[in-house]
Amino acid sequence: MREEADLIEVARTKLNPHRVGDRLFGDVAAALETVTGAIHVGVCIDTGSGTGFCAEHAAIASMVTSGEYAIARIVAVWRDEEGCLTVLAPCGRCREFIKQIDESNVKTTVLLGQGRTAALRDLLPEWEWPEPEPVATPRSASR
């Protein structure tokens, strides 16, 4: 596996913001490494009617197109107007999307910044399907 900084750099090189009206495309980029070592990238597309998607979704779509489903590591980055790079944690929708692509992805390492990582399962509290509640015994009616 590559170093954390290497995957962050791969994502950084894909940042290419482009404004269309009041929408911004490509201002967040993601890179992921599959369990086989393949790298996939993607950028966000912000659209007005909610049909857009996050950078993680685009990178995952590339991975699935290549016939892979298990993610070893993933990172998303954004650069502000001053050029400062920020590593972004995946939003809740992306966290759920990653989990649903393959059951093993709860073990995916999510890069949260230089030297900071977390397993996806730790970012998804209560991700396991719960056990059913015990059936309550009806009380006798007293008169």
C-alpha atoms as a PDB file:
ATOM      1  CA  MET A   1       0.000   0.000   0.000  1.00  0.00           C
ATOM      2  CA  ARG A   2       1.078   3.548  -0.658  1.00  0.00           C
ATOM      3  CA  GLU A   3       1.772   6.078   2.064  1.00  0.00           C
ATOM      4  CA  GLU A   4      -1.067   8.379   3.198  1.00  0.00           C
ATOM      5  CA  ALA A   5       0.596  11.420   1.634  1.00  0.00           C
ATOM      6  CA  ASP A   6       0.782   9.646  -1.731  1.00  0.00           C
ATOM      7  CA  LEU A   7      -2.981   9.021  -1.871  1.00  0.00           C
ATOM      8  CA  ILE A   8      -3.649  12.598  -0.769  1.00  0.00           C
ATOM      9  CA  GLU A   9      -1.360  13.807  -3.557  1.00  0.00           C
ATOM     10  CA  VAL A  10      -3.164  11.675  -6.145  1.00  0.00           C
ATOM     11  CA  ALA A  11      -6.451  13.287  -5.106  1.00  0.00           C
ATOM     12  CA  ARG A  12      -4.891  16.774  -5.050  1.00  0.00           C
ATOM     13  CA  THR A  13      -3.758  16.465  -8.665  1.00  0.00           C
ATOM     14  CA  LYS A  14      -7.371  15.910  -9.749  1.00  0.00           C
ATOM     15  CA  LEU A  15      -8.660  19.193  -8.297  1.00  0.00           C
ATOM     16  CA  ASN A  16      -9.814  21.316 -11.219  1.00  0.00           C
ATOM     17  CA  PRO A  17     -12.625  23.653 -10.135  1.00  0.00           C
ATOM     18  CA  HIS A  18     -14.928  24.835 -12.914  1.00  0.00           C
ATOM     19  CA  ARG A  19     -17.846  27.198 -12.376  1.00  0.00           C
ATOM     20  CA  VAL A  20     -21.084  26.838 -14.322  1.00  0.00           C
ATOM     21  CA  GLY A  21     -23.486  29.573 -13.249  1.00  0.00           C
ATOM     22  CA  ASP A  22     -23.757  29.355  -9.479  1.00  0.00           C
ATOM     23  CA  ARG A  23     -22.500  25.746  -9.402  1.00  0.00           C
ATOM     24  CA  LEU A  24     -18.953  24.519  -8.947  1.00  0.00           C
ATOM     25  CA  PHE A  25     -17.659  21.267 -10.417  1.00  0.00           C
ATOM     26  CA  GLY A  26     -14.408  19.529  -9.493  1.00  0.00           C
ATOM     27  CA  ASP A  27     -13.564  21.550  -6.374  1.00  0.00           C
ATOM     28  CA  VAL A  28     -13.428  18.353  -4.294  1.00  0.00           C
ATOM     29  CA  ALA A  29     -11.450  15.341  -5.520  1.00  0.00           C
ATOM     30  CA  ALA A  30     -11.218  11.826  -4.111  1.00  0.00           C
ATOM     31  CA  ALA A  31      -8.781   8.976  -4.549  1.00  0.00           C
ATOM     32  CA  LEU A  32      -9.231   5.433  -3.373  1.00  0.00           C
ATOM     33  CA  GLU A  33      -7.043   2.367  -3.364  1.00  0.00           C
ATOM     34  CA  THR A  34      -8.688  -1.019  -3.769  1.00  0.00           C
ATOM     35  CA  VAL A  35      -7.559  -4.104  -1.897  1.00  0.00           C
ATOM     36  CA  THR A  36      -5.719  -5.159  -5.088  1.00  0.00           C
ATOM     37  CA  GLY A  37      -3.741  -1.884  -5.113  1.00  0.00           C
ATOM     38  CA  ALA A  38      -5.581  -0.219  -8.016  1.00  0.00           C
ATOM     39  CA  ILE A  39      -6.129   3.535  -7.704  1.00  0.00           C
ATOM     40  CA  HIS A  40      -9.383   5.236  -8.766  1.00  0.00           C
ATOM     41  CA  VAL A  41     -10.167   8.943  -8.694  1.00  0.00           C
ATOM     42  CA  GLY A  42     -13.184  11.181  -9.058  1.00  0.00           C
ATOM     43  CA  VAL A  43     -14.413  14.720  -8.546  1.00  0.00           C
ATOM     44  CA  CYS A  44     -17.642  16.191  -7.234  1.00  0.00           C
ATOM     45  CA  ILE A  45     -20.366  17.570  -9.479  1.00  0.00           C
ATOM     46  CA  ASP A  46     -22.679  20.117  -7.842  1.00  0.00           C
ATOM     47  CA  THR A  47     -25.990  20.464  -9.672  1.00  0.00           C
ATOM     48  CA  GLY A  48     -29.087  22.454  -8.815  1.00  0.00           C
ATOM     49  CA  SER A  49     -31.653  19.676  -8.726  1.00  0.00           C
ATOM     50  CA  GLY A  50     -29.877  17.303  -6.356  1.00  0.00           C
ATOM     51  CA  THR A  51     -28.659  15.089  -9.188  1.00  0.00           C
ATOM     52  CA  GLY A  52     -25.013  15.842  -8.483  1.00  0.00           C
ATOM     53  CA  PHE A  53     -22.659  13.636  -6.535  1.00  0.00           C
ATOM     54  CA  CYS A  54     -19.656  13.703  -4.259  1.00  0.00           C
ATOM     55  CA  ALA A  55     -16.090  12.996  -5.360  1.00  0.00           C
ATOM     56  CA  GLU A  56     -16.122   9.704  -3.460  1.00  0.00           C
ATOM     57  CA  HIS A  57     -19.113   8.551  -5.535  1.00  0.00           C
ATOM     58  CA  ALA A  58     -17.245   9.308  -8.763  1.00  0.00           C
ATOM     59  CA  ALA A  59     -14.133   7.415  -7.609  1.00  0.00           C
ATOM     60  CA  ILE A  60     -16.262   4.458  -6.504  1.00  0.00           C
ATOM     61  CA  ALA A  61     -18.081   4.446  -9.854  1.00  0.00           C
ATOM     62  CA  SER A  62     -14.695   4.178 -11.585  1.00  0.00           C
ATOM     63  CA  MET A  63     -13.752   1.292  -9.293  1.00  0.00           C
ATOM     64  CA  VAL A  64     -17.010  -0.578  -9.914  1.00  0.00           C
ATOM     65  CA  THR A  65     -16.652   0.008 -13.663  1.00  0.00           C
ATOM     66  CA  SER A  66     -13.307  -1.771 -13.398  1.00  0.00           C
ATOM     67  CA  GLY A  67     -14.940  -4.719 -11.653  1.00  0.00           C
ATOM     68  CA  GLU A  68     -13.729  -4.077  -8.114  1.00  0.00           C
ATOM     69  CA  TYR A  69     -15.757  -3.422  -4.974  1.00  0.00           C
ATOM     70  CA  ALA A  70     -13.489  -3.638  -1.910  1.00  0.00           C
ATOM     71  CA  ILE A  71     -11.799  -0.398  -0.842  1.00  0.00           C
ATOM     72  CA  ALA A  72      -8.613  -0.481   1.214  1.00  0.00           C
ATOM     73  CA  ARG A  73      -8.228   3.309   1.635  1.00  0.00           C
ATOM     74  CA  ILE A  74     -10.063   6.448   0.556  1.00  0.00           C
ATOM     75  CA  VAL A  75      -9.481  10.193   0.821  1.00  0.00           C
ATOM     76  CA  ALA A  76     -11.169  13.394  -0.366  1.00  0.00           C
ATOM     77  CA  VAL A  77      -9.522  16.821  -0.586  1.00  0.00           C
ATOM     78  CA  TRP A  78     -10.512  20.457  -1.160  1.00  0.00           C
ATOM     79  CA  ARG A  79      -8.334  23.531  -1.766  1.00  0.00           C
ATOM     80  CA  ASP A  80      -9.388  26.993  -0.595  1.00  0.00           C
ATOM     81  CA  GLU A  81      -8.835  30.302  -2.426  1.00  0.00           C
ATOM     82  CA  GLU A  82      -5.412  30.723  -0.755  1.00  0.00           C
ATOM     83  CA  GLY A  83      -4.315  27.313  -2.003  1.00  0.00           C
ATOM     84  CA  CYS A  84      -4.456  25.546   1.374  1.00  0.00           C
ATOM     85  CA  LEU A  85      -5.336  21.883   1.002  1.00  0.00           C
ATOM     86  CA  THR A  86      -7.854  20.320   3.386  1.00  0.00           C
ATOM     87  CA  VAL A  87      -8.581  16.613   3.762  1.00  0.00           C
ATOM     88  CA  LEU A  88     -12.339  16.084   4.130  1.00  0.00           C
ATOM     89  CA  ALA A  89     -14.071  13.249   5.929  1.00  0.00           C
ATOM     90  CA  PRO A  90     -16.759  11.620   3.782  1.00  0.00           C
ATOM     91  CA  CYS A  91     -20.260  12.929   4.380  1.00  0.00           C
ATOM     92  CA  GLY A  92     -22.898  10.615   5.819  1.00  0.00           C
ATOM     93  CA  ARG A  93     -24.272   9.774   2.381  1.00  0.00           C
ATOM     94  CA  CYS A  94     -20.797   8.772   1.178  1.00  0.00           C
ATOM     95  CA  ARG A  95     -20.113   6.724   4.300  1.00  0.00           C
ATOM     96  CA  GLU A  96     -23.302   4.750   3.732  1.00  0.00           C
ATOM     97  CA  PHE A  97     -22.536   4.423  -0.006  1.00  0.00           C
ATOM     98  CA  ILE A  98     -19.053   3.015   0.694  1.00  0.00           C
ATOM     99  CA  LYS A  99     -20.539   0.471   3.110  1.00  0.00           C
ATOM    100  CA  GLN A 100     -23.237  -0.639   0.691  1.00  0.00           C
ATOM    101  CA  ILE A 101     -20.819  -1.274  -2.201  1.00  0.00           C
ATOM    102  CA  ASP A 102     -19.238  -4.240  -0.370  1.00  0.00           C
ATOM    103  CA  GLU A 103     -19.705  -5.624   3.146  1.00  0.00           C
ATOM    104  CA  SER A 104     -15.937  -5.652   3.700  1.00  0.00           C
ATOM    105  CA  ASN A 105     -15.790  -1.871   3.239  1.00  0.00           C
ATOM    106  CA  VAL A 106     -16.610  -1.314   6.906  1.00  0.00           C
ATOM    107  CA  LYS A 107     -12.876  -2.035   7.321  1.00  0.00           C
ATOM    108  CA  THR A 108     -11.891   0.652   4.778  1.00  0.00           C
ATOM    109  CA  THR A 109      -9.300   3.075   6.114  1.00  0.00           C
ATOM    110  CA  VAL A 110     -10.571   6.627   5.733  1.00  0.00           C
ATOM    111  CA  LEU A 111      -7.789   9.214   5.605  1.00  0.00           C
ATOM    112  CA  LEU A 112      -8.695  12.215   7.762  1.00  0.00           C
ATOM    113  CA  GLY A 113      -5.433  14.158   7.366  1.00  0.00           C
ATOM    114  CA  GLN A 114      -1.720  13.580   7.693  1.00  0.00           C
ATOM    115  CA  GLY A 115      -1.308  10.856  10.313  1.00  0.00           C
ATOM    116  CA  ARG A 116      -5.050  10.637  11.034  1.00  0.00           C
ATOM    117  CA  THR A 117      -7.156   7.713   9.867  1.00  0.00           C
ATOM    118  CA  ALA A 118     -10.244   5.821  10.971  1.00  0.00           C
ATOM    119  CA  ALA A 119     -11.938   2.621   9.903  1.00  0.00           C
ATOM    120  CA  LEU A 120     -15.236   3.310   8.170  1.00  0.00           C
ATOM    121  CA  ARG A 121     -17.028   1.272  10.876  1.00  0.00           C
ATOM    122  CA  ASP A 122     -15.865   3.864  13.442  1.00  0.00           C
ATOM    123  CA  LEU A 123     -17.389   6.665  11.364  1.00  0.00           C
ATOM    124  CA  LEU A 124     -20.679   4.769  11.064  1.00  0.00           C
ATOM    125  CA  PRO A 125     -21.933   4.180  14.569  1.00  0.00           C
ATOM    126  CA  GLU A 126     -24.698   1.616  14.768  1.00  0.00           C
ATOM    127  CA  TRP A 127     -23.938   0.331  11.268  1.00  0.00           C
ATOM    128  CA  GLU A 128     -24.885  -3.257  12.031  1.00  0.00           C
ATOM    129  CA  TRP A 129     -28.519  -4.332  11.625  1.00  0.00           C
ATOM    130  CA  PRO A 130     -29.942  -4.526  15.151  1.00  0.00           C
ATOM    131  CA  GLU A 131     -31.387  -7.607  16.804  1.00  0.00           C
ATOM    132  CA  PRO A 132     -35.175  -7.603  17.154  1.00  0.00           C
ATOM    133  CA  GLU A 133     -36.605  -6.368  20.404  1.00  0.00           C
ATOM    134  CA  PRO A 134     -37.786  -9.081  22.781  1.00  0.00           C
ATOM    135  CA  VAL A 135     -41.485  -9.734  22.605  1.00  0.00           C
ATOM    136  CA  ALA A 136     -43.201  -8.285  25.646  1.00  0.00           C
ATOM    137  CA  THR A 137     -45.506 -10.562  27.611  1.00  0.00           C
ATOM    138  CA  PRO A 138     -48.975  -9.046  27.747  1.00  0.00           C
ATOM    139  CA  ARG A 139     -50.129  -8.074  31.210  1.00  0.00           C
ATOM    140  CA  SER A 140     -53.264  -9.637  32.638  1.00  0.00           C
ATOM    141  CA  ALA A 141     -56.121  -7.240  32.808  1.00  0.00           C
ATOM    142  CA  SER A 142     -57.161  -6.693  36.408  1.00  0.00           C
ATOM    143  CA  ARG A 143     -60.684  -5.685  37.330  1.00  0.00           C
END
